[in-house]
Amino acid sequence: MDIHTFMTNYREAFGERAELPIAFWYSDKQESETEKIGGCFFKGLQQVREGKTISLNSDVIGCGGGKFYTGFTEMPIHVPNFVSLKEKYKKTPEMVINYIEQLQVQRTEKAYLHFARIDKLASFDHVEGLLFLATPDILSGLTTWAFYDTNAFDTVATPFGSGCSSVVTLTVLENQKDGKRCFLGFFDPSVRPHFEANLLSFTIPMSRFKEMYHTMRESCLFDTHAWGKIKERINE
C-alpha cells in the first residue's frame, strides 16, 4: 500500500475540501515534543489537523480515562462512578465495569501513541488505524465504500463509549485480531465540544484498510452519477 497513491485516490473521490485522514500508531520513539493536554486529549487533534504530529503518553494525557483507554495505565478506581453518577452515560457503575470488562482493554508495551495526518507519513508501516473526521456526506461515502465488498451487518459498528475508546481502543483491538469492522464514533457528549458540530469520527483498522485500499476505485466513489452529486456538494 502506497500512501501517495491513496491520497491521490482519496482526493479524487472526495475532493480537495475533504480533510485527509489521521493515522495513529504506537512506538518507543518520541516523534514530537507535546505539551501536557488537560482534560480530553482530543483537544490536541487540532494541531494534527493543521499538520503537526503529536506524541502522547501517560504524562501528556491529562484525563485518567484517556490514559486507560490508550493502554498506558490501569483503569482509575474513580472511573465507574464518574461515568455513571457524574456524566450519567451509564445507569449504574456496575454497567460501566461490565462494559470495560467486555472491551478487554490491553496495556501497551510502547512508550508513545502518535497521531499524524497521513501526508506527514512515509508509509503505513506500524499504523494501527486511520481516523476520518467526517461530515454526513463524507460518512455516506466512507460507509458505502466499507460495505462494497461485504454483506456483514457489523461492517460499520457504533458501540457507545468515550471518544478515546471508540477511536483508539476499539480500532487497536480490531486490528490486533485482524478484524474487519470499522467504527463510527464521537457520540460521547464529552468529546463533541472539541470538534465542529457536523463531524463524527470514522475509523478503519489497518487489518480492514489493507482490503479497502484495493476496492476504493471499484466502488461508487468513482464514476457514478449519485456520488458525483454528493462530491460536488462536499466541495461547494
Protein backbone atom coordinates (compact mmCIF):
# COMPACT_ATOMS: atom_id res chain seq x y z
CA MET A 1 0.00 0.00 0.00
CA ASP A 2 1.35 3.34 -1.04
CA ILE A 3 0.37 6.47 0.89
CA HIS A 4 0.70 8.82 -2.07
CA THR A 5 -1.47 6.59 -4.25
CA PHE A 6 -4.13 6.50 -1.57
CA MET A 7 -4.03 10.27 -1.06
CA THR A 8 -4.44 10.78 -4.80
CA ASN A 9 -7.40 8.39 -4.86
CA TYR A 10 -8.94 9.97 -1.78
CA ARG A 11 -8.67 13.46 -3.19
CA GLU A 12 -10.16 12.30 -6.48
CA ALA A 13 -13.02 10.52 -4.68
CA PHE A 14 -13.92 13.17 -2.09
CA GLY A 15 -12.41 16.36 -3.50
CA GLU A 16 -9.87 18.83 -2.23
CA ARG A 17 -12.05 20.18 0.59
CA ALA A 18 -12.24 16.84 2.39
CA GLU A 19 -9.71 16.59 5.23
CA LEU A 20 -7.07 13.90 4.91
CA PRO A 21 -7.42 11.08 7.46
CA ILE A 22 -5.26 10.93 10.57
CA ALA A 23 -3.07 7.89 11.27
CA PHE A 24 -2.31 6.68 14.78
CA TRP A 25 0.31 4.23 15.94
CA TYR A 26 2.44 3.21 18.92
CA SER A 27 6.22 3.22 19.16
CA ASP A 28 9.07 3.73 21.62
CA LYS A 29 10.34 6.79 19.76
CA GLN A 30 9.02 10.26 20.55
CA GLU A 31 8.06 11.78 17.21
CA SER A 32 7.19 15.22 18.57
CA GLU A 33 7.54 17.00 21.88
CA THR A 34 3.97 17.51 23.02
CA GLU A 35 2.83 19.62 25.96
CA LYS A 36 0.51 18.14 28.56
CA ILE A 37 -3.12 18.22 27.47
CA GLY A 38 -5.53 18.93 30.31
CA GLY A 39 -8.82 17.08 30.10
CA CYS A 40 -9.72 15.28 26.86
CA PHE A 41 -6.60 14.64 24.78
CA PHE A 42 -8.61 15.07 21.58
CA LYS A 43 -8.07 18.78 22.11
CA GLY A 44 -4.64 18.06 20.65
CA LEU A 45 -6.06 16.88 17.36
CA GLN A 46 -6.46 20.44 16.16
CA GLN A 47 -2.67 20.56 15.94
CA VAL A 48 -2.72 17.33 13.95
CA ARG A 49 -5.34 18.68 11.57
CA GLU A 50 -3.01 21.62 10.97
CA GLY A 51 -0.12 19.32 10.06
CA LYS A 52 1.70 18.67 13.34
CA THR A 53 2.44 15.25 14.79
CA ILE A 54 1.64 14.72 18.48
CA SER A 55 3.17 12.06 20.74
CA LEU A 56 1.10 11.04 23.75
CA ASN A 57 1.93 9.11 26.91
CA SER A 58 0.59 8.99 30.45
CA ASP A 59 2.35 12.26 31.28
CA VAL A 60 0.93 14.15 28.30
CA ILE A 61 -2.64 12.83 28.65
CA GLY A 62 -4.38 14.64 31.48
CA CYS A 63 -7.55 12.55 31.54
CA GLY A 64 -7.49 9.34 33.60
CA GLY A 65 -9.90 7.62 31.22
CA GLY A 66 -7.78 8.71 28.26
CA LYS A 67 -4.68 7.18 29.84
CA PHE A 68 -6.57 3.94 30.42
CA TYR A 69 -8.26 3.60 27.03
CA THR A 70 -4.97 4.23 25.23
CA GLY A 71 -3.33 1.45 27.23
CA PHE A 72 -0.91 3.48 29.33
CA THR A 73 -2.42 2.77 32.77
CA GLU A 74 -4.87 0.51 34.57
CA MET A 75 -8.43 1.76 34.95
CA PRO A 76 -8.55 4.54 37.57
CA ILE A 77 -10.72 3.48 40.50
CA HIS A 78 -12.98 6.53 40.14
CA VAL A 79 -13.96 5.87 36.51
CA PRO A 80 -17.10 3.70 37.03
CA ASN A 81 -18.67 6.16 39.48
CA PHE A 82 -17.64 9.17 37.41
CA VAL A 83 -19.05 7.80 34.15
CA SER A 84 -22.32 6.70 35.79
CA LEU A 85 -23.05 9.15 38.59
CA LYS A 86 -21.35 12.30 37.26
CA GLU A 87 -21.51 12.05 33.47
CA LYS A 88 -24.66 9.86 33.52
CA TYR A 89 -23.59 7.86 30.47
CA LYS A 90 -24.50 4.52 32.09
CA LYS A 91 -27.28 3.74 34.55
CA THR A 92 -25.01 2.17 37.17
CA PRO A 93 -21.27 1.97 37.94
CA GLU A 94 -21.62 -1.82 37.57
CA MET A 95 -22.66 -1.33 33.96
CA VAL A 96 -19.50 0.70 33.36
CA ILE A 97 -17.39 -2.07 34.86
CA ASN A 98 -19.19 -4.67 32.73
CA TYR A 99 -18.65 -2.60 29.59
CA ILE A 100 -14.93 -2.27 30.31
CA GLU A 101 -14.64 -5.98 31.02
CA GLN A 102 -16.21 -6.71 27.66
CA LEU A 103 -13.80 -4.34 25.92
CA GLN A 104 -10.74 -6.10 27.41
CA VAL A 105 -8.53 -3.03 27.10
CA GLN A 106 -4.89 -4.09 26.80
CA ARG A 107 -1.86 -2.34 28.25
CA THR A 108 0.59 -1.16 25.64
CA GLU A 109 4.28 -2.01 25.94
CA LYS A 110 5.20 1.01 23.83
CA ALA A 111 6.17 4.40 25.22
CA TYR A 112 4.12 6.67 22.93
CA LEU A 113 0.92 6.89 20.95
CA HIS A 114 1.25 9.16 17.93
CA PHE A 115 -1.28 10.98 15.74
CA ALA A 116 -0.36 12.49 12.38
CA ARG A 117 -2.09 13.42 9.15
CA ILE A 118 -1.25 10.78 6.55
CA ASP A 119 0.60 13.24 4.33
CA LYS A 120 3.17 13.51 7.14
CA LEU A 121 3.99 9.77 7.00
CA ALA A 122 6.41 7.90 4.76
CA SER A 123 4.44 4.63 4.86
CA PHE A 124 1.56 2.81 6.52
CA ASP A 125 4.02 0.57 8.43
CA HIS A 126 3.07 0.11 12.10
CA VAL A 127 -0.12 2.19 11.76
CA GLU A 128 -2.98 0.82 13.88
CA GLY A 129 -5.77 2.65 12.11
CA LEU A 130 -6.99 5.68 10.21
CA LEU A 131 -9.29 8.31 11.71
CA PHE A 132 -11.55 10.29 9.39
CA LEU A 133 -13.24 13.43 10.73
CA ALA A 134 -16.31 13.23 8.59
CA THR A 135 -19.42 15.21 7.75
CA PRO A 136 -22.64 13.29 6.93
CA ASP A 137 -21.85 13.44 3.20
CA ILE A 138 -18.33 12.11 3.72
CA LEU A 139 -19.69 9.44 6.07
CA SER A 140 -22.02 8.38 3.29
CA GLY A 141 -19.04 7.74 1.03
CA LEU A 142 -16.91 6.03 3.67
CA THR A 143 -19.74 3.75 4.79
CA THR A 144 -20.76 2.81 1.26
CA TRP A 145 -17.11 2.06 0.44
CA ALA A 146 -16.78 -0.10 3.59
CA PHE A 147 -19.84 -2.17 2.63
CA TYR A 148 -18.80 -2.53 -1.03
CA ASP A 149 -17.20 -5.98 -0.70
CA THR A 150 -19.09 -7.42 2.28
CA ASN A 151 -22.65 -8.02 3.48
CA ALA A 152 -21.71 -8.30 7.17
CA PHE A 153 -24.19 -6.23 9.16
CA ASP A 154 -21.49 -5.07 11.60
CA THR A 155 -19.15 -3.81 8.88
CA VAL A 156 -19.62 -0.37 10.44
CA ALA A 157 -20.19 -0.63 14.20
CA THR A 158 -21.25 2.08 16.65
CA PRO A 159 -20.54 0.88 20.22
CA PHE A 160 -21.07 3.82 22.57
CA GLY A 161 -18.08 4.90 24.60
CA SER A 162 -15.69 7.75 25.26
CA GLY A 163 -14.07 9.35 22.25
CA CYS A 164 -10.78 7.64 23.05
CA SER A 165 -12.40 4.21 23.44
CA SER A 166 -14.41 4.44 20.22
CA VAL A 167 -11.46 5.73 18.20
CA VAL A 168 -8.35 4.16 19.75
CA THR A 169 -9.35 1.16 21.89
CA LEU A 170 -11.84 -0.44 19.51
CA THR A 171 -9.69 0.16 16.44
CA VAL A 172 -6.49 -1.18 18.03
CA LEU A 173 -8.23 -4.29 19.36
CA GLU A 174 -9.83 -4.91 15.97
CA ASN A 175 -6.51 -4.54 14.21
CA GLN A 176 -4.78 -6.92 16.62
CA LYS A 177 -7.28 -9.68 15.87
CA ASP A 178 -7.21 -9.00 12.11
CA GLY A 179 -10.84 -7.86 12.31
CA LYS A 180 -12.95 -6.31 9.58
CA ARG A 181 -15.15 -3.80 11.43
CA CYS A 182 -14.94 -0.03 11.01
CA PHE A 183 -16.16 2.23 13.81
CA LEU A 184 -18.40 5.27 13.88
CA GLY A 185 -17.86 7.45 16.94
CA PHE A 186 -17.79 10.84 18.66
CA PHE A 187 -21.28 10.33 20.08
CA ASP A 188 -19.84 10.91 23.57
CA PRO A 189 -21.01 14.41 24.63
CA SER A 190 -17.68 14.96 26.41
CA VAL A 191 -15.65 14.82 23.20
CA ARG A 192 -18.06 16.66 20.90
CA PRO A 193 -17.22 20.24 22.03
CA HIS A 194 -13.68 19.76 20.68
CA PHE A 195 -14.88 19.34 17.09
CA GLU A 196 -17.27 21.05 14.72
CA ALA A 197 -20.95 20.29 15.22
CA ASN A 198 -21.24 18.44 11.90
CA LEU A 199 -18.33 16.00 12.41
CA LEU A 200 -18.27 12.40 13.59
CA SER A 201 -15.34 10.01 13.71
CA PHE A 202 -14.96 7.08 11.33
CA THR A 203 -12.03 4.75 11.99
CA ILE A 204 -10.70 1.95 9.83
CA PRO A 205 -8.29 -0.55 11.43
CA MET A 206 -5.34 -1.38 9.21
CA SER A 207 -6.47 -5.02 9.12
CA ARG A 208 -9.51 -3.82 7.17
CA PHE A 209 -7.89 -0.91 5.35
CA LYS A 210 -5.45 -3.25 3.58
CA GLU A 211 -8.52 -4.68 1.83
CA MET A 212 -10.43 -1.43 1.32
CA TYR A 213 -7.32 0.19 -0.17
CA HIS A 214 -7.80 -2.05 -3.22
CA THR A 215 -11.58 -1.62 -3.57
CA MET A 216 -11.78 2.16 -3.45
CA ARG A 217 -11.64 2.81 -7.20
CA GLU A 218 -14.07 -0.08 -7.86
CA SER A 219 -16.71 1.35 -5.52
CA CYS A 220 -19.37 4.02 -6.10
CA LEU A 221 -16.81 6.70 -5.21
CA PHE A 222 -15.64 6.70 -8.82
CA ASP A 223 -17.64 7.22 -11.98
CA THR A 224 -21.18 7.14 -10.57
CA HIS A 225 -23.81 9.82 -11.00
CA ALA A 226 -25.12 9.64 -7.41
CA TRP A 227 -21.75 10.04 -5.75
CA GLY A 228 -20.78 12.74 -8.21
CA LYS A 229 -23.62 14.91 -6.91
CA ILE A 230 -22.51 14.37 -3.29
CA LYS A 231 -18.88 15.10 -4.11
CA GLU A 232 -19.94 18.33 -5.75
CA ARG A 233 -21.81 19.34 -2.59
CA ILE A 234 -18.85 18.46 -0.36
CA ASN A 235 -16.69 20.81 -2.38
CA GLU A 236 -19.10 23.71 -2.72
